[in-house]
């Protein structure tokens, strides 16, 4: 992958919440999570967990999978960057 995938919090912050015309507090209340949880996701400091993905999918109506895929792509990108030099030393195993 050439460029960093978008964090699901950015999608919520830039697209979903403005479209819903809802405050973070109201969104958190409807999802039955704390405002801090939503703020942490919007600030891209915490991931979308399966628990949160289920809640997002329910309230937005698009299911949990899109949120989990966004988070997975973001996480893989971050980890790949952090262990890039180590990955270069791992050779592919060829079975006999």
N, C-alpha and C. Protein backbone atom coordinates (compact mmCIF):
# COMPACT_ATOMS: atom_id res chain seq x y z
N UNK A 1 0.83 -1.18 0.00
CA UNK A 1 0.00 0.00 0.00
C UNK A 1 0.88 1.24 0.00
N UNK A 2 0.57 2.18 -0.85
CA UNK A 2 1.41 3.36 -1.00
C UNK A 2 1.07 4.47 -0.01
N UNK A 3 -0.21 4.61 0.35
CA UNK A 3 -0.57 5.69 1.26
C UNK A 3 -1.38 5.16 2.44
N UNK A 4 -1.34 5.89 3.51
CA UNK A 4 -1.99 5.47 4.73
C UNK A 4 -3.51 5.39 4.56
N UNK A 5 -4.10 4.28 4.97
CA UNK A 5 -5.57 4.18 4.95
C UNK A 5 -6.19 5.16 5.94
N UNK A 6 -7.41 5.51 5.70
CA UNK A 6 -8.12 6.43 6.57
C UNK A 6 -8.55 5.72 7.85
N UNK A 7 -8.40 6.39 8.95
CA UNK A 7 -8.89 5.87 10.24
C UNK A 7 -10.41 6.01 10.24
N UNK A 8 -11.13 5.02 10.79
CA UNK A 8 -12.59 5.12 10.81
C UNK A 8 -13.09 6.36 11.57
N UNK A 9 -12.31 6.83 12.51
CA UNK A 9 -12.68 8.05 13.23
C UNK A 9 -12.76 9.25 12.31
N UNK A 10 -11.88 9.30 11.31
CA UNK A 10 -11.92 10.40 10.35
C UNK A 10 -13.20 10.36 9.52
N UNK A 11 -13.63 9.16 9.17
CA UNK A 11 -14.89 9.01 8.41
C UNK A 11 -16.05 9.50 9.26
N UNK A 12 -16.06 9.11 10.51
CA UNK A 12 -17.12 9.57 11.41
C UNK A 12 -17.10 11.09 11.56
N UNK A 13 -15.91 11.62 11.79
CA UNK A 13 -15.74 13.06 12.03
C UNK A 13 -16.07 13.91 10.80
N UNK A 14 -15.59 13.47 9.65
CA UNK A 14 -15.71 14.29 8.44
C UNK A 14 -16.99 14.05 7.65
N UNK A 15 -17.54 12.84 7.72
CA UNK A 15 -18.67 12.51 6.87
C UNK A 15 -19.95 12.18 7.64
N UNK A 16 -19.85 11.25 8.58
CA UNK A 16 -21.05 10.72 9.23
C UNK A 16 -21.73 11.73 10.15
N UNK A 17 -21.00 12.24 11.12
CA UNK A 17 -21.63 13.16 12.08
C UNK A 17 -22.17 14.42 11.42
N UNK A 18 -21.42 15.05 10.51
CA UNK A 18 -22.00 16.22 9.84
C UNK A 18 -23.27 15.87 9.04
N UNK A 19 -23.27 14.72 8.40
CA UNK A 19 -24.45 14.31 7.62
C UNK A 19 -25.64 14.06 8.54
N UNK A 20 -25.37 13.49 9.70
CA UNK A 20 -26.45 13.21 10.66
C UNK A 20 -26.89 14.48 11.39
N UNK A 21 -26.09 15.52 11.33
CA UNK A 21 -26.37 16.77 12.05
C UNK A 21 -26.64 16.49 13.53
N UNK A 22 -25.67 15.84 14.15
CA UNK A 22 -25.81 15.39 15.53
C UNK A 22 -24.54 15.75 16.29
N UNK A 23 -24.70 16.03 17.57
CA UNK A 23 -23.55 16.32 18.41
C UNK A 23 -22.87 15.02 18.85
N UNK A 24 -21.64 15.16 19.27
CA UNK A 24 -20.92 14.01 19.79
C UNK A 24 -21.64 13.45 21.02
N UNK A 25 -22.12 14.33 21.86
CA UNK A 25 -22.83 13.89 23.06
C UNK A 25 -24.07 13.08 22.72
N UNK A 26 -24.85 13.57 21.79
CA UNK A 26 -26.06 12.86 21.39
C UNK A 26 -25.72 11.53 20.71
N UNK A 27 -24.69 11.55 19.87
CA UNK A 27 -24.26 10.33 19.19
C UNK A 27 -23.83 9.28 20.22
N UNK A 28 -23.05 9.70 21.19
CA UNK A 28 -22.58 8.78 22.25
C UNK A 28 -23.77 8.24 23.04
N UNK A 29 -24.72 9.12 23.35
CA UNK A 29 -25.90 8.68 24.10
C UNK A 29 -26.68 7.64 23.32
N UNK A 30 -26.89 7.88 22.04
CA UNK A 30 -27.63 6.93 21.20
C UNK A 30 -26.90 5.60 21.07
N UNK A 31 -25.59 5.65 21.05
CA UNK A 31 -24.79 4.43 20.95
C UNK A 31 -24.61 3.73 22.29
N UNK A 32 -24.96 4.44 23.36
CA UNK A 32 -24.81 3.93 24.73
C UNK A 32 -23.35 3.68 25.11
N UNK A 33 -22.52 4.67 24.74
CA UNK A 33 -21.11 4.68 25.13
C UNK A 33 -20.80 6.08 25.66
N UNK A 34 -19.63 6.23 26.24
CA UNK A 34 -19.26 7.53 26.79
C UNK A 34 -18.85 8.50 25.67
N UNK A 35 -18.98 9.78 25.98
CA UNK A 35 -18.50 10.81 25.04
C UNK A 35 -17.01 10.66 24.83
N UNK A 36 -16.30 10.29 25.87
CA UNK A 36 -14.85 10.10 25.77
C UNK A 36 -14.52 9.02 24.75
N UNK A 37 -15.29 7.94 24.74
CA UNK A 37 -15.07 6.87 23.76
C UNK A 37 -15.20 7.42 22.35
N UNK A 38 -16.24 8.18 22.10
CA UNK A 38 -16.46 8.74 20.76
C UNK A 38 -15.36 9.75 20.44
N UNK A 39 -15.04 10.63 21.37
CA UNK A 39 -13.98 11.61 21.14
C UNK A 39 -12.65 10.93 20.82
N UNK A 40 -12.32 9.86 21.53
CA UNK A 40 -11.07 9.15 21.27
C UNK A 40 -11.04 8.55 19.87
N UNK A 41 -12.16 8.04 19.42
CA UNK A 41 -12.23 7.50 18.05
C UNK A 41 -12.14 8.63 17.04
N UNK A 42 -12.88 9.71 17.27
CA UNK A 42 -12.85 10.85 16.35
C UNK A 42 -11.46 11.47 16.27
N UNK A 43 -10.74 11.46 17.39
CA UNK A 43 -9.37 12.01 17.42
C UNK A 43 -8.33 11.00 16.93
N UNK A 44 -8.79 9.81 16.57
CA UNK A 44 -7.95 8.75 16.01
C UNK A 44 -6.91 8.25 17.01
N UNK A 45 -7.25 8.32 18.29
CA UNK A 45 -6.34 7.81 19.32
C UNK A 45 -6.77 6.44 19.83
N UNK A 46 -7.97 6.02 19.51
CA UNK A 46 -8.47 4.70 19.89
C UNK A 46 -9.09 4.04 18.66
N UNK A 47 -9.03 2.71 18.62
CA UNK A 47 -9.58 1.99 17.46
C UNK A 47 -11.08 1.76 17.58
N UNK A 48 -11.68 1.43 16.46
CA UNK A 48 -13.05 0.94 16.44
C UNK A 48 -12.97 -0.56 16.75
N UNK A 49 -13.47 -0.94 17.89
CA UNK A 49 -13.48 -2.34 18.31
C UNK A 49 -14.71 -3.04 17.72
N UNK A 50 -14.75 -4.36 17.78
CA UNK A 50 -15.97 -5.05 17.32
C UNK A 50 -17.22 -4.56 18.04
N UNK A 51 -17.11 -4.28 19.33
CA UNK A 51 -18.23 -3.77 20.10
C UNK A 51 -18.72 -2.44 19.50
N UNK A 52 -17.81 -1.53 19.25
CA UNK A 52 -18.16 -0.23 18.69
C UNK A 52 -18.65 -0.38 17.25
N UNK A 53 -18.03 -1.27 16.49
CA UNK A 53 -18.46 -1.49 15.10
C UNK A 53 -19.90 -1.96 15.04
N UNK A 54 -20.28 -2.84 15.95
CA UNK A 54 -21.68 -3.29 15.99
C UNK A 54 -22.62 -2.13 16.29
N UNK A 55 -22.23 -1.29 17.21
CA UNK A 55 -23.06 -0.13 17.57
C UNK A 55 -23.14 0.87 16.41
N UNK A 56 -21.99 1.14 15.78
CA UNK A 56 -21.98 2.05 14.62
C UNK A 56 -22.85 1.51 13.50
N UNK A 57 -22.68 0.23 13.20
CA UNK A 57 -23.46 -0.38 12.14
C UNK A 57 -24.94 -0.31 12.39
N UNK A 58 -25.32 -0.44 13.64
CA UNK A 58 -26.74 -0.37 14.01
C UNK A 58 -27.28 1.05 13.86
N UNK A 59 -26.59 2.02 14.44
CA UNK A 59 -27.10 3.39 14.43
C UNK A 59 -27.05 4.03 13.04
N UNK A 60 -26.02 3.69 12.26
CA UNK A 60 -25.87 4.29 10.94
C UNK A 60 -26.63 3.48 9.90
N UNK A 61 -26.75 2.18 10.14
CA UNK A 61 -27.51 1.33 9.24
C UNK A 61 -26.70 0.65 8.16
N UNK A 62 -25.37 0.68 8.30
CA UNK A 62 -24.53 0.06 7.26
C UNK A 62 -23.81 -1.21 7.75
N UNK A 63 -24.14 -1.68 8.94
CA UNK A 63 -23.54 -2.90 9.46
C UNK A 63 -22.14 -2.66 10.01
N UNK A 64 -21.63 -3.63 10.74
CA UNK A 64 -20.33 -3.47 11.40
C UNK A 64 -19.12 -3.72 10.51
N UNK A 65 -19.29 -4.46 9.43
CA UNK A 65 -18.12 -4.90 8.65
C UNK A 65 -17.32 -3.76 8.05
N UNK A 66 -17.97 -2.74 7.56
CA UNK A 66 -17.24 -1.62 6.95
C UNK A 66 -16.32 -0.96 7.98
N UNK A 67 -16.80 -0.83 9.21
CA UNK A 67 -16.00 -0.19 10.26
C UNK A 67 -14.83 -1.06 10.67
N UNK A 68 -15.06 -2.36 10.72
CA UNK A 68 -13.96 -3.27 11.05
C UNK A 68 -12.93 -3.32 9.93
N UNK A 69 -13.37 -3.29 8.69
CA UNK A 69 -12.42 -3.30 7.56
C UNK A 69 -11.59 -2.02 7.54
N UNK A 70 -12.22 -0.88 7.79
CA UNK A 70 -11.46 0.37 7.86
C UNK A 70 -10.40 0.31 8.95
N UNK A 71 -10.79 -0.19 10.12
CA UNK A 71 -9.86 -0.28 11.24
C UNK A 71 -8.74 -1.26 10.94
N UNK A 72 -9.10 -2.40 10.35
CA UNK A 72 -8.09 -3.41 10.02
C UNK A 72 -7.05 -2.86 9.04
N UNK A 73 -7.50 -2.17 8.02
CA UNK A 73 -6.57 -1.60 7.04
C UNK A 73 -5.65 -0.58 7.71
N UNK A 74 -6.21 0.25 8.56
CA UNK A 74 -5.42 1.25 9.27
C UNK A 74 -4.39 0.58 10.19
N UNK A 75 -4.84 -0.42 10.94
CA UNK A 75 -3.94 -1.12 11.88
C UNK A 75 -2.81 -1.83 11.15
N UNK A 76 -3.14 -2.53 10.06
CA UNK A 76 -2.09 -3.23 9.29
C UNK A 76 -1.06 -2.25 8.76
N UNK A 77 -1.49 -1.13 8.27
CA UNK A 77 -0.58 -0.09 7.78
C UNK A 77 0.37 0.36 8.88
N UNK A 78 -0.18 0.67 10.05
CA UNK A 78 0.63 1.14 11.17
C UNK A 78 1.65 0.09 11.62
N UNK A 79 1.21 -1.15 11.74
CA UNK A 79 2.11 -2.21 12.19
C UNK A 79 3.18 -2.49 11.14
N UNK A 80 2.78 -2.51 9.88
CA UNK A 80 3.75 -2.76 8.82
C UNK A 80 4.85 -1.71 8.83
N UNK A 81 4.47 -0.46 9.05
CA UNK A 81 5.48 0.60 9.14
C UNK A 81 6.40 0.38 10.34
N UNK A 82 5.83 -0.03 11.45
CA UNK A 82 6.63 -0.16 12.67
C UNK A 82 7.60 -1.35 12.64
N UNK A 83 7.29 -2.38 11.84
CA UNK A 83 8.18 -3.54 11.79
C UNK A 83 8.77 -3.75 10.39
N UNK A 84 8.78 -2.72 9.58
CA UNK A 84 9.22 -2.82 8.18
C UNK A 84 10.63 -3.40 8.06
N UNK A 85 11.55 -2.94 8.88
CA UNK A 85 12.93 -3.43 8.77
C UNK A 85 13.02 -4.90 9.15
N UNK A 86 12.25 -5.31 10.13
CA UNK A 86 12.24 -6.71 10.54
C UNK A 86 11.60 -7.59 9.46
N UNK A 87 10.53 -7.10 8.86
CA UNK A 87 9.86 -7.87 7.80
C UNK A 87 10.80 -8.14 6.63
N UNK A 88 11.69 -7.20 6.35
CA UNK A 88 12.63 -7.36 5.24
C UNK A 88 13.58 -8.54 5.45
N UNK A 89 13.80 -8.90 6.70
CA UNK A 89 14.74 -9.99 6.99
C UNK A 89 14.05 -11.36 6.98
N UNK A 90 12.76 -11.39 6.90
CA UNK A 90 12.03 -12.67 6.90
C UNK A 90 11.90 -13.17 5.45
N UNK A 91 12.40 -14.37 5.23
CA UNK A 91 12.35 -14.97 3.91
C UNK A 91 11.14 -15.88 3.80
N UNK A 92 10.62 -15.98 2.59
CA UNK A 92 9.49 -16.88 2.35
C UNK A 92 9.97 -18.32 2.44
N UNK A 93 9.21 -19.14 3.11
CA UNK A 93 9.54 -20.54 3.28
C UNK A 93 9.05 -21.32 2.06
N UNK A 94 9.92 -22.11 1.49
CA UNK A 94 9.55 -22.94 0.34
C UNK A 94 9.47 -24.38 0.80
N UNK A 95 8.28 -24.93 0.70
CA UNK A 95 8.07 -26.32 1.10
C UNK A 95 8.78 -27.27 0.14
N UNK A 96 9.17 -28.41 0.66
CA UNK A 96 9.90 -29.40 -0.14
C UNK A 96 9.02 -30.01 -1.21
